[in-house]
Amino acid sequence: MGIADTSIAAASAAFSGLAAFGAWKASRQANDTAASVAQIERDRWHNALTPQLRLKLEQSDGLLYVRFEPFRVR
């Protein structure tokens, strides 16, 4: 193997390493983005499925009225 072949092999290995690093970095960003979107969806579903209660206290007879409001998709 001559100097030219060795240089080509070294350059090829360096470019392959750079490409692998770029792919790793892109996949890491994609994973972070997916985790962020998943958290937003979990929060949205939690808010949408949390029961809404309306409380009313009657001072005249001292009764507490609790009314369950149906789920509303926001």
C-alpha atoms as a PDB file:
ATOM      1  CA  MET A   1       0.000   0.000   0.000  1.00  0.00           C
ATOM      2  CA  GLY A   2       1.430   3.316  -1.007  1.00  0.00           C
ATOM      3  CA  ILE A   3       1.191   6.773   0.485  1.00  0.00           C
ATOM      4  CA  ALA A   4      -1.715   7.675  -1.822  1.00  0.00           C
ATOM      5  CA  ASP A   5      -3.733   4.623  -0.800  1.00  0.00           C
ATOM      6  CA  THR A   6      -3.075   5.266   2.884  1.00  0.00           C
ATOM      7  CA  SER A   7      -4.042   8.913   2.535  1.00  0.00           C
ATOM      8  CA  ILE A   8      -7.279   8.021   0.764  1.00  0.00           C
ATOM      9  CA  ALA A   9      -8.100   5.416   3.420  1.00  0.00           C
ATOM     10  CA  ALA A  10      -7.373   7.898   6.231  1.00  0.00           C
ATOM     11  CA  ALA A  11      -9.492  10.615   4.611  1.00  0.00           C
ATOM     12  CA  SER A  12     -12.307   8.122   4.052  1.00  0.00           C
ATOM     13  CA  ALA A  13     -12.151   7.048   7.688  1.00  0.00           C
ATOM     14  CA  ALA A  14     -12.197  10.679   8.841  1.00  0.00           C
ATOM     15  CA  PHE A  15     -15.216  11.520   6.694  1.00  0.00           C
ATOM     16  CA  SER A  16     -17.003   8.378   7.897  1.00  0.00           C
ATOM     17  CA  GLY A  17     -16.328   9.434  11.483  1.00  0.00           C
ATOM     18  CA  LEU A  18     -17.712  12.921  10.802  1.00  0.00           C
ATOM     19  CA  ALA A  19     -20.794  11.446   9.154  1.00  0.00           C
ATOM     20  CA  ALA A  20     -21.353   9.121  12.114  1.00  0.00           C
ATOM     21  CA  PHE A  21     -21.021  12.043  14.533  1.00  0.00           C
ATOM     22  CA  GLY A  22     -23.512  14.090  12.509  1.00  0.00           C
ATOM     23  CA  ALA A  23     -25.986  11.194  12.471  1.00  0.00           C
ATOM     24  CA  TRP A  24     -25.607  10.728  16.228  1.00  0.00           C
ATOM     25  CA  LYS A  25     -26.191  14.425  16.862  1.00  0.00           C
ATOM     26  CA  ALA A  26     -29.275  14.496  14.603  1.00  0.00           C
ATOM     27  CA  SER A  27     -30.757  11.412  16.268  1.00  0.00           C
ATOM     28  CA  ARG A  28     -30.162  12.931  19.700  1.00  0.00           C
ATOM     29  CA  GLN A  29     -32.004  16.116  18.685  1.00  0.00           C
ATOM     30  CA  ALA A  30     -34.856  14.060  17.235  1.00  0.00           C
ATOM     31  CA  ASN A  31     -35.112  12.088  20.466  1.00  0.00           C
ATOM     32  CA  ASP A  32     -35.216  15.289  22.538  1.00  0.00           C
ATOM     33  CA  THR A  33     -37.914  16.718  20.268  1.00  0.00           C
ATOM     34  CA  ALA A  34     -39.979  13.522  20.487  1.00  0.00           C
ATOM     35  CA  ALA A  35     -39.744  13.563  24.297  1.00  0.00           C
ATOM     36  CA  SER A  36     -40.857  17.195  24.373  1.00  0.00           C
ATOM     37  CA  VAL A  37     -43.842  16.536  22.104  1.00  0.00           C
ATOM     38  CA  ALA A  38     -44.803  13.477  24.167  1.00  0.00           C
ATOM     39  CA  GLN A  39     -44.773  15.565  27.358  1.00  0.00           C
ATOM     40  CA  ILE A  40     -46.965  18.213  25.732  1.00  0.00           C
ATOM     41  CA  GLU A  41     -49.451  15.515  24.687  1.00  0.00           C
ATOM     42  CA  ARG A  42     -49.473  13.958  28.177  1.00  0.00           C
ATOM     43  CA  ASP A  43     -50.187  17.373  29.705  1.00  0.00           C
ATOM     44  CA  ARG A  44     -52.922  18.080  27.167  1.00  0.00           C
ATOM     45  CA  TRP A  45     -54.650  14.751  27.831  1.00  0.00           C
ATOM     46  CA  HIS A  46     -54.344  15.233  31.581  1.00  0.00           C
ATOM     47  CA  ASN A  47     -55.981  18.658  31.361  1.00  0.00           C
ATOM     48  CA  ALA A  48     -58.678  17.401  29.017  1.00  0.00           C
ATOM     49  CA  LEU A  49     -59.571  14.458  31.246  1.00  0.00           C
ATOM     50  CA  THR A  50     -59.440  16.190  34.619  1.00  0.00           C
ATOM     51  CA  PRO A  51     -62.970  16.397  36.008  1.00  0.00           C
ATOM     52  CA  GLN A  52     -64.372  19.870  36.474  1.00  0.00           C
ATOM     53  CA  LEU A  53     -66.357  20.455  39.651  1.00  0.00           C
ATOM     54  CA  ARG A  54     -68.535  23.429  40.491  1.00  0.00           C
ATOM     55  CA  LEU A  55     -69.045  24.088  44.202  1.00  0.00           C
ATOM     56  CA  LYS A  56     -71.800  26.199  45.679  1.00  0.00           C
ATOM     57  CA  LEU A  57     -72.325  26.870  49.377  1.00  0.00           C
ATOM     58  CA  GLU A  58     -75.789  27.960  50.456  1.00  0.00           C
ATOM     59  CA  GLN A  59     -75.460  30.166  53.517  1.00  0.00           C
ATOM     60  CA  SER A  60     -79.121  30.000  54.439  1.00  0.00           C
ATOM     61  CA  ASP A  61     -79.258  26.241  55.009  1.00  0.00           C
ATOM     62  CA  GLY A  62     -75.508  25.485  55.173  1.00  0.00           C
ATOM     63  CA  LEU A  63     -75.552  23.000  52.299  1.00  0.00           C
ATOM     64  CA  LEU A  64     -72.679  22.444  49.932  1.00  0.00           C
ATOM     65  CA  TYR A  65     -73.681  21.638  46.362  1.00  0.00           C
ATOM     66  CA  VAL A  66     -71.202  19.855  44.168  1.00  0.00           C
ATOM     67  CA  ARG A  67     -71.881  19.715  40.452  1.00  0.00           C
ATOM     68  CA  PHE A  68     -69.864  17.529  38.116  1.00  0.00           C
ATOM     69  CA  GLU A  69     -69.210  19.222  34.785  1.00  0.00           C
ATOM     70  CA  PRO A  70     -68.766  16.899  31.802  1.00  0.00           C
ATOM     71  CA  PHE A  71     -65.359  16.599  30.222  1.00  0.00           C
ATOM     72  CA  ARG A  72     -64.567  19.244  27.675  1.00  0.00           C
ATOM     73  CA  VAL A  73     -61.904  18.843  25.064  1.00  0.00           C
ATOM     74  CA  ARG A  74     -59.913  22.048  25.031  1.00  0.00           C
END
